[in-house]
C-alpha atoms as a PDB file:
ATOM      1  CA  MET A   1     192.861  70.423 143.031  1.00  0.00           C
ATOM      2  CA  LYS A   2     191.742  73.600 144.748  1.00  0.00           C
ATOM      3  CA  GLY A   3     189.938  74.755 141.628  1.00  0.00           C
ATOM      4  CA  SER A   4     187.783  71.630 141.416  1.00  0.00           C
ATOM      5  CA  ARG A   5     186.803  71.922 145.001  1.00  0.00           C
ATOM      6  CA  PHE A   6     185.830  75.523 144.548  1.00  0.00           C
ATOM      7  CA  VAL A   7     183.532  74.633 141.675  1.00  0.00           C
ATOM      8  CA  PHE A   8     181.938  71.865 143.709  1.00  0.00           C
ATOM      9  CA  LEU A   9     181.206  74.203 146.590  1.00  0.00           C
ATOM     10  CA  LEU A  10     179.800  76.812 144.274  1.00  0.00           C
ATOM     11  CA  GLN A  11     177.390  74.286 142.705  1.00  0.00           C
ATOM     12  CA  LEU A  12     176.366  73.063 146.142  1.00  0.00           C
ATOM     13  CA  LEU A  13     175.655  76.613 147.244  1.00  0.00           C
ATOM     14  CA  LEU A  14     173.527  77.301 144.198  1.00  0.00           C
ATOM     15  CA  SER A  15     171.578  74.090 144.785  1.00  0.00           C
ATOM     16  CA  VAL A  16     170.873  75.063 148.372  1.00  0.00           C
ATOM     17  CA  VAL A  17     169.767  78.540 147.310  1.00  0.00           C
ATOM     18  CA  LEU A  18     167.413  77.102 144.693  1.00  0.00           C
ATOM     19  CA  LEU A  19     166.019  74.631 147.196  1.00  0.00           C
ATOM     20  CA  VAL A  20     165.438  77.334 149.781  1.00  0.00           C
ATOM     21  CA  ALA A  21     163.841  79.601 147.196  1.00  0.00           C
ATOM     22  CA  THR A  22     161.578  76.797 146.010  1.00  0.00           C
ATOM     23  CA  VAL A  23     160.496  75.947 149.546  1.00  0.00           C
ATOM     24  CA  TRP A  24     159.937  79.621 150.224  1.00  0.00           C
ATOM     25  CA  LEU A  25     157.668  79.973 147.233  1.00  0.00           C
ATOM     26  CA  VAL A  26     155.746  76.740 147.692  1.00  0.00           C
ATOM     27  CA  TRP A  27     155.332  76.766 151.462  1.00  0.00           C
ATOM     28  CA  PRO A  28     151.925  78.116 152.555  1.00  0.00           C
ATOM     29  CA  TRP A  29     152.960  80.948 154.795  1.00  0.00           C
ATOM     30  CA  PRO A  30     150.067  82.374 156.977  1.00  0.00           C
ATOM     31  CA  TYR A  31     150.576  85.916 155.784  1.00  0.00           C
ATOM     32  CA  ARG A  32     150.173  85.000 152.143  1.00  0.00           C
ATOM     33  CA  SER A  33     146.743  85.799 150.549  1.00  0.00           C
ATOM     34  CA  ILE A  34     144.702  83.186 148.696  1.00  0.00           C
ATOM     35  CA  PRO A  35     144.170  84.036 145.047  1.00  0.00           C
ATOM     36  CA  GLU A  36     140.790  85.542 144.340  1.00  0.00           C
ATOM     37  CA  ALA A  37     138.133  83.350 142.838  1.00  0.00           C
ATOM     38  CA  ALA A  38     138.060  85.650 139.857  1.00  0.00           C
ATOM     39  CA  PHE A  39     141.161  83.906 138.601  1.00  0.00           C
ATOM     40  CA  PHE A  40     139.201  80.633 138.452  1.00  0.00           C
ATOM     41  CA  PRO A  41     136.236  81.131 136.060  1.00  0.00           C
ATOM     42  CA  THR A  42     133.054  79.222 136.816  1.00  0.00           C
ATOM     43  CA  PHE A  43     130.593  78.133 134.241  1.00  0.00           C
ATOM     44  CA  THR A  44     126.819  78.293 135.005  1.00  0.00           C
ATOM     45  CA  VAL A  45     124.619  76.044 132.915  1.00  0.00           C
ATOM     46  CA  THR A  46     121.226  77.634 132.342  1.00  0.00           C
ATOM     47  CA  PRO A  47     118.603  75.001 131.415  1.00  0.00           C
ATOM     48  CA  THR A  48     116.583  75.837 128.311  1.00  0.00           C
ATOM     49  CA  LEU A  49     112.924  74.875 128.394  1.00  0.00           C
ATOM     50  CA  ARG A  50     111.855  73.347 125.138  1.00  0.00           C
ATOM     51  CA  GLN A  51     108.357  74.321 124.191  1.00  0.00           C
ATOM     52  CA  PRO A  52     106.257  71.326 123.124  1.00  0.00           C
ATOM     53  CA  THR A  53     105.129  71.471 119.519  1.00  0.00           C
ATOM     54  CA  SER A  54     101.504  70.670 118.705  1.00  0.00           C
ATOM     55  CA  THR A  55     100.836  67.656 116.555  1.00  0.00           C
ATOM     56  CA  LEU A  56      98.369  68.253 113.707  1.00  0.00           C
ATOM     57  CA  VAL A  57      95.650  65.624 113.756  1.00  0.00           C
ATOM     58  CA  PRO A  58      93.940  65.277 110.368  1.00  0.00           C
ATOM     59  CA  THR A  59      90.150  65.674 110.511  1.00  0.00           C
ATOM     60  CA  ALA A  60      87.950  63.494 108.379  1.00  0.00           C
ATOM     61  CA  THR A  61      85.681  65.315 105.919  1.00  0.00           C
ATOM     62  CA  THR A  62      82.136  63.979 106.057  1.00  0.00           C
ATOM     63  CA  ILE A  63      80.581  63.702 102.615  1.00  0.00           C
ATOM     64  CA  THR A  64      76.794  63.676 102.728  1.00  0.00           C
ATOM     65  CA  PRO A  65      75.325  61.893  99.709  1.00  0.00           C
ATOM     66  CA  THR A  66      72.616  63.813  97.901  1.00  0.00           C
ATOM     67  CA  ALA A  67      69.572  62.028  96.612  1.00  0.00           C
ATOM     68  CA  THR A  68      69.147  62.157  92.856  1.00  0.00           C
ATOM     69  CA  GLU A  69      65.590  62.762  91.820  1.00  0.00           C
ATOM     70  CA  VAL A  70      64.364  60.179  89.335  1.00  0.00           C
ATOM     71  CA  PRO A  71      62.371  61.888  86.581  1.00  0.00           C
ATOM     72  CA  VAL A  72      58.830  60.727  85.898  1.00  0.00           C
ATOM     73  CA  VAL A  73      58.289  59.757  82.256  1.00  0.00           C
ATOM     74  CA  HIS A  74      54.822  59.531  80.723  1.00  0.00           C
ATOM     75  CA  VAL A  75      54.147  57.705  77.461  1.00  0.00           C
ATOM     76  CA  VAL A  76      51.462  59.494  75.478  1.00  0.00           C
ATOM     77  CA  GLN A  77      48.406  57.308  74.900  1.00  0.00           C
ATOM     78  CA  PRO A  78      45.992  57.565  71.961  1.00  0.00           C
ATOM     79  CA  GLY A  79      43.826  60.656  72.214  1.00  0.00           C
ATOM     80  CA  GLU A  80      45.840  62.270  75.050  1.00  0.00           C
ATOM     81  CA  VAL A  81      46.752  65.945  74.995  1.00  0.00           C
ATOM     82  CA  LEU A  82      48.944  67.995  77.307  1.00  0.00           C
ATOM     83  CA  GLY A  83      45.977  69.326  79.253  1.00  0.00           C
ATOM     84  CA  VAL A  84      44.875  65.799  80.155  1.00  0.00           C
ATOM     85  CA  ILE A  85      48.405  64.671  81.025  1.00  0.00           C
ATOM     86  CA  ALA A  86      48.932  67.744  83.199  1.00  0.00           C
ATOM     87  CA  LYS A  87      45.780  66.957  85.189  1.00  0.00           C
ATOM     88  CA  LEU A  88      46.882  63.354  85.680  1.00  0.00           C
ATOM     89  CA  TYR A  89      50.081  64.443  87.424  1.00  0.00           C
ATOM     90  CA  GLY A  90      48.863  67.661  89.025  1.00  0.00           C
ATOM     91  CA  VAL A  91      51.182  69.923  87.048  1.00  0.00           C
ATOM     92  CA  THR A  92      50.660  72.703  84.533  1.00  0.00           C
ATOM     93  CA  VAL A  93      50.759  72.476  80.760  1.00  0.00           C
ATOM     94  CA  ASP A  94      53.468  75.142  80.639  1.00  0.00           C
ATOM     95  CA  SER A  95      55.733  73.163  83.005  1.00  0.00           C
ATOM     96  CA  ILE A  96      55.496  70.056  80.782  1.00  0.00           C
ATOM     97  CA  MET A  97      56.212  72.130  77.680  1.00  0.00           C
ATOM     98  CA  GLU A  98      59.250  73.735  79.324  1.00  0.00           C
ATOM     99  CA  ALA A  99      60.622  70.422  80.627  1.00  0.00           C
ATOM    100  CA  ASN A 100      60.387  68.820  77.176  1.00  0.00           C
ATOM    101  CA  GLY A 101      61.154  71.803  74.941  1.00  0.00           C
ATOM    102  CA  ILE A 102      57.710  71.713  73.310  1.00  0.00           C
ATOM    103  CA  LYS A 103      56.798  74.793  71.283  1.00  0.00           C
ATOM    104  CA  ASP A 104      53.287  73.796  70.176  1.00  0.00           C
ATOM    105  CA  ALA A 105      51.068  72.095  72.761  1.00  0.00           C
ATOM    106  CA  ASN A 106      48.952  70.524  70.024  1.00  0.00           C
ATOM    107  CA  LEU A 107      51.856  68.600  68.457  1.00  0.00           C
ATOM    108  CA  VAL A 108      51.962  65.683  70.888  1.00  0.00           C
ATOM    109  CA  GLN A 109      52.052  62.253  69.281  1.00  0.00           C
ATOM    110  CA  ARG A 110      51.043  58.798  70.422  1.00  0.00           C
ATOM    111  CA  GLY A 111      53.944  56.894  72.022  1.00  0.00           C
ATOM    112  CA  GLU A 112      55.940  60.061  72.710  1.00  0.00           C
ATOM    113  CA  LYS A 113      57.797  60.057  76.040  1.00  0.00           C
ATOM    114  CA  LEU A 114      57.355  63.172  78.138  1.00  0.00           C
ATOM    115  CA  VAL A 115      59.318  64.116  81.255  1.00  0.00           C
ATOM    116  CA  ILE A 116      56.869  65.197  83.974  1.00  0.00           C
ATOM    117  CA  PRO A 117      58.301  67.817  86.347  1.00  0.00           C
ATOM    118  CA  HIS A 118      57.674  67.394  90.061  1.00  0.00           C
ATOM    119  CA  PRO A 119      54.296  68.846  91.105  1.00  0.00           C
ATOM    120  CA  LEU A 120      55.972  70.893  93.859  1.00  0.00           C
ATOM    121  CA  GLN A 121      58.698  72.236  91.593  1.00  0.00           C
ATOM    122  CA  THR A 122      59.273  75.968  92.083  1.00  0.00           C
ATOM    123  CA  PRO A 123      58.698  77.932  88.875  1.00  0.00           C
ATOM    124  CA  ARG A 124      61.839  79.484  87.474  1.00  0.00           C
ATOM    125  CA  VAL A 125      61.852  83.262  87.809  1.00  0.00           C
ATOM    126  CA  THR A 126      63.447  85.072  84.868  1.00  0.00           C
ATOM    127  CA  ALA A 127      64.730  88.614  84.935  1.00  0.00           C
ATOM    128  CA  MET A 128      62.425  91.263  83.544  1.00  0.00           C
ATOM    129  CA  GLN A 129      63.363  92.214  80.011  1.00  0.00           C
ATOM    130  CA  HIS A 130      62.659  95.513  78.348  1.00  0.00           C
ATOM    131  CA  GLU A 131      62.066  94.105  74.920  1.00  0.00           C
ATOM    132  CA  THR A 132      58.569  93.103  73.930  1.00  0.00           C
ATOM    133  CA  THR A 133      57.655  89.518  74.871  1.00  0.00           C
ATOM    134  CA  PRO A 134      55.212  87.746  72.567  1.00  0.00           C
ATOM    135  CA  THR A 135      51.862  86.857  74.131  1.00  0.00           C
ATOM    136  CA  PRO A 136      51.689  83.079  74.816  1.00  0.00           C
ATOM    137  CA  THR A 137      48.998  81.083  73.094  1.00  0.00           C
ATOM    138  CA  VAL A 138      46.333  79.802  75.489  1.00  0.00           C
ATOM    139  CA  THR A 139      46.071  76.023  75.165  1.00  0.00           C
ATOM    140  CA  SER A 140      42.919  74.192  76.183  1.00  0.00           C
ATOM    141  CA  ALA A 141      43.270  71.789  79.104  1.00  0.00           C
ATOM    142  CA  PHE A 142      40.915  69.336  77.351  1.00  0.00           C
ATOM    143  CA  ARG A 143      41.425  67.063  74.406  1.00  0.00           C
ATOM    144  CA  ASP A 144      37.885  67.398  73.049  1.00  0.00           C
ATOM    145  CA  VAL A 145      35.264  70.086  72.937  1.00  0.00           C
ATOM    146  CA  ALA A 146      32.087  69.554  74.942  1.00  0.00           C
ATOM    147  CA  PRO A 147      29.467  67.151  73.559  1.00  0.00           C
ATOM    148  CA  VAL A 148      26.331  68.812  72.170  1.00  0.00           C
ATOM    149  CA  PRO A 149      22.937  67.840  73.708  1.00  0.00           C
ATOM    150  CA  LEU A 150      20.385  66.831  71.037  1.00  0.00           C
ATOM    151  CA  SER A 151      17.252  65.602  72.754  1.00  0.00           C
ATOM    152  CA  PRO A 152      14.925  66.042  74.427  1.00  0.00           C
ATOM    153  CA  GLU A 153      14.519  69.650  73.435  1.00  0.00           C
ATOM    154  CA  GLU A 154      14.832  72.471  75.965  1.00  0.00           C
ATOM    155  CA  GLU A 155      11.999  72.548  78.564  1.00  0.00           C
ATOM    156  CA  ALA A 156      10.415  69.322  77.242  1.00  0.00           C
ATOM    157  CA  VAL A 157       7.621  68.110  79.541  1.00  0.00           C
ATOM    158  CA  PHE A 158       7.317  64.572  80.960  1.00  0.00           C
ATOM    159  CA  GLU A 159       4.719  63.159  83.337  1.00  0.00           C
ATOM    160  CA  GLY A 160       4.973  60.382  85.896  1.00  0.00           C
ATOM    161  CA  SER A 161       7.823  58.294  87.183  1.00  0.00           C
ATOM    162  CA  ASP A 162       7.346  55.798  84.352  1.00  0.00           C
ATOM    163  CA  ALA A 163       7.893  58.406  81.630  1.00  0.00           C
ATOM    164  CA  LEU A 164      10.415  57.410  78.998  1.00  0.00           C
ATOM    165  CA  ILE A 165      13.134  60.050  78.979  1.00  0.00           C
ATOM    166  CA  VAL A 166      16.020  59.308  76.631  1.00  0.00           C
ATOM    167  CA  LEU A 167      18.894  61.762  76.567  1.00  0.00           C
ATOM    168  CA  THR A 168      20.974  61.955  73.381  1.00  0.00           C
ATOM    169  CA  TRP A 169      23.967  64.037  72.380  1.00  0.00           C
ATOM    170  CA  ALA A 170      26.587  64.381  69.680  1.00  0.00           C
ATOM    171  CA  SER A 171      30.312  63.907  70.342  1.00  0.00           C
ATOM    172  CA  THR A 172      33.046  65.550  68.293  1.00  0.00           C
ATOM    173  CA  ALA A 173      35.293  62.447  68.418  1.00  0.00           C
ATOM    174  CA  ALA A 174      34.875  58.696  68.782  1.00  0.00           C
ATOM    175  CA  LEU A 175      35.629  57.243  72.197  1.00  0.00           C
ATOM    176  CA  SER A 176      38.633  54.995  72.733  1.00  0.00           C
ATOM    177  CA  GLU A 177      38.502  51.881  74.913  1.00  0.00           C
ATOM    178  CA  SER A 178      39.785  53.849  77.902  1.00  0.00           C
ATOM    179  CA  GLU A 179      37.111  56.577  77.676  1.00  0.00           C
ATOM    180  CA  CYS A 180      33.421  56.986  78.441  1.00  0.00           C
ATOM    181  CA  PHE A 181      30.711  59.623  78.803  1.00  0.00           C
ATOM    182  CA  GLU A 182      29.775  61.006  82.188  1.00  0.00           C
ATOM    183  CA  VAL A 183      26.120  62.128  82.506  1.00  0.00           C
ATOM    184  CA  ARG A 184      25.068  64.336  85.408  1.00  0.00           C
ATOM    185  CA  PHE A 185      21.382  64.633  86.275  1.00  0.00           C
ATOM    186  CA  TRP A 186      19.720  66.716  88.989  1.00  0.00           C
ATOM    187  CA  CYS A 187      16.364  68.289  89.798  1.00  0.00           C
ATOM    188  CA  GLY A 188      15.497  71.508  91.579  1.00  0.00           C
ATOM    189  CA  LYS A 189      18.167  73.769  92.967  1.00  0.00           C
ATOM    190  CA  THR A 190      20.749  71.056  93.520  1.00  0.00           C
ATOM    191  CA  GLU A 191      24.250  72.239  92.638  1.00  0.00           C
ATOM    192  CA  PRO A 192      25.715  70.510  89.547  1.00  0.00           C
ATOM    193  CA  GLY A 193      28.785  69.413  91.555  1.00  0.00           C
ATOM    194  CA  SER A 194      26.602  67.382  93.958  1.00  0.00           C
ATOM    195  CA  SER A 195      24.418  65.857  91.229  1.00  0.00           C
ATOM    196  CA  GLU A 196      24.314  62.123  90.559  1.00  0.00           C
ATOM    197  CA  ARG A 197      26.703  60.794  87.928  1.00  0.00           C
ATOM    198  CA  PHE A 198      26.213  57.994  85.452  1.00  0.00           C
ATOM    199  CA  TYR A 199      28.577  56.504  82.882  1.00  0.00           C
ATOM    200  CA  THR A 200      28.003  55.077  79.426  1.00  0.00           C
ATOM    201  CA  THR A 201      30.003  54.364  76.270  1.00  0.00           C
ATOM    202  CA  THR A 202      27.132  55.243  73.913  1.00  0.00           C
ATOM    203  CA  SER A 203      25.764  58.678  73.035  1.00  0.00           C
ATOM    204  CA  THR A 204      22.364  57.945  74.615  1.00  0.00           C
ATOM    205  CA  TRP A 205      21.187  57.393  78.182  1.00  0.00           C
ATOM    206  CA  THR A 206      17.747  56.613  79.591  1.00  0.00           C
ATOM    207  CA  VAL A 207      16.797  58.405  82.809  1.00  0.00           C
ATOM    208  CA  PRO A 208      15.740  55.806  85.450  1.00  0.00           C
ATOM    209  CA  GLY A 209      12.388  56.241  87.218  1.00  0.00           C
ATOM    210  CA  SER A 210      14.208  56.349  90.572  1.00  0.00           C
ATOM    211  CA  LEU A 211      15.247  59.948  89.796  1.00  0.00           C
ATOM    212  CA  TYR A 212      11.633  61.107  89.533  1.00  0.00           C
ATOM    213  CA  PRO A 213      11.224  64.232  91.722  1.00  0.00           C
ATOM    214  CA  GLU A 214       8.252  63.178  93.867  1.00  0.00           C
ATOM    215  CA  TRP A 215       8.677  66.220  96.071  1.00  0.00           C
ATOM    216  CA  GLY A 216      10.127  69.582  95.261  1.00  0.00           C
ATOM    217  CA  ASP A 217      10.904  71.374  92.026  1.00  0.00           C
ATOM    218  CA  SER A 218       9.996  69.477  88.829  1.00  0.00           C
ATOM    219  CA  HIS A 219      12.634  71.296  86.785  1.00  0.00           C
ATOM    220  CA  CYS A 220      15.462  68.895  85.994  1.00  0.00           C
ATOM    221  CA  TYR A 221      18.815  69.434  84.266  1.00  0.00           C
ATOM    222  CA  TRP A 222      21.523  67.312  82.684  1.00  0.00           C
ATOM    223  CA  THR A 223      25.038  67.660  81.235  1.00  0.00           C
ATOM    224  CA  VAL A 224      27.458  65.247  79.554  1.00  0.00           C
ATOM    225  CA  GLN A 225      31.250  65.169  79.123  1.00  0.00           C
ATOM    226  CA  VAL A 226      34.071  62.759  78.206  1.00  0.00           C
ATOM    227  CA  VAL A 227      36.202  61.209  81.003  1.00  0.00           C
ATOM    228  CA  TYR A 228      38.626  58.345  81.524  1.00  0.00           C
ATOM    229  CA  HIS A 229      37.296  54.934  82.541  1.00  0.00           C
ATOM    230  CA  ALA A 230      40.040  54.311  85.097  1.00  0.00           C
ATOM    231  CA  ARG A 231      40.330  57.917  86.276  1.00  0.00           C
ATOM    232  CA  ARG A 232      36.827  59.328  86.120  1.00  0.00           C
ATOM    233  CA  ASP A 233      37.987  62.430  87.950  1.00  0.00           C
ATOM    234  CA  VAL A 234      40.054  63.327  84.875  1.00  0.00           C
ATOM    235  CA  ALA A 235      37.896  65.014  82.241  1.00  0.00           C
ATOM    236  CA  LEU A 236      38.848  64.850  78.575  1.00  0.00           C
ATOM    237  CA  SER A 237      36.287  67.490  77.620  1.00  0.00           C
ATOM    238  CA  PRO A 238      34.411  70.245  79.393  1.00  0.00           C
ATOM    239  CA  PRO A 239      30.787  69.518  80.341  1.00  0.00           C
ATOM    240  CA  SER A 240      28.082  70.458  77.884  1.00  0.00           C
ATOM    241  CA  ASN A 241      25.762  73.364  78.526  1.00  0.00           C
ATOM    242  CA  PRO A 242      22.991  72.247  80.908  1.00  0.00           C
ATOM    243  CA  ARG A 243      19.811  71.104  79.103  1.00  0.00           C
ATOM    244  CA  SER A 244      16.572  71.414  81.117  1.00  0.00           C
ATOM    245  CA  LEU A 245      13.327  69.460  81.140  1.00  0.00           C
ATOM    246  CA  ILE A 246      10.163  69.444  83.236  1.00  0.00           C
ATOM    247  CA  TRP A 247       9.248  66.201  84.969  1.00  0.00           C
ATOM    248  CA  HIS A 248       6.105  66.222  87.092  1.00  0.00           C
END
């Protein structure tokens, strides 16, 4: 009986001691220091600035259309040569030969189609070569040679405005329907370029009385050449040598 009581008292004593110890430890006594903040770690959040990224904007490529030059094609007519065709378009014979791969300027046929280079085309410059270059053949710019004056004879004399003066000449080729003769007649010191011009399809021409030199020099001159009907500024032959006569 005494033993059980002793055990009970011992357990009660231990419980009181534990309770007192617990209160002693938990109770906030004024002399007890507060734990430093170092024991409680703090976390600082540093904001990260995100750099904006540039957006690539595609740029449109402008394509400028280039004009394509349309080549000029000439169909060779009866009796035409390169010299005549070159004058019609204001280009050179050599440029036509180069554009069409022509080796001989005299071998141009009726109905042949020729590419005419642009009149303002810049000549192609080739590098200087040391080897000997053959001398190019000079091609006449005219289809025909000059007509030959026949009559009147040189320095023939005529009197009065009603004198019959008939000029005649010989042509080296028959005229086509698109061609004619151009006769130039002047008196005195008038330049041939400013002389009067007359046109005929025959190899004779009668000088009208209206050309009679009433005043001034009685020495008169005349030439004849072959030209186009439609383009009389395009000569198919050079002018003949001037033939003179005296008309007083």
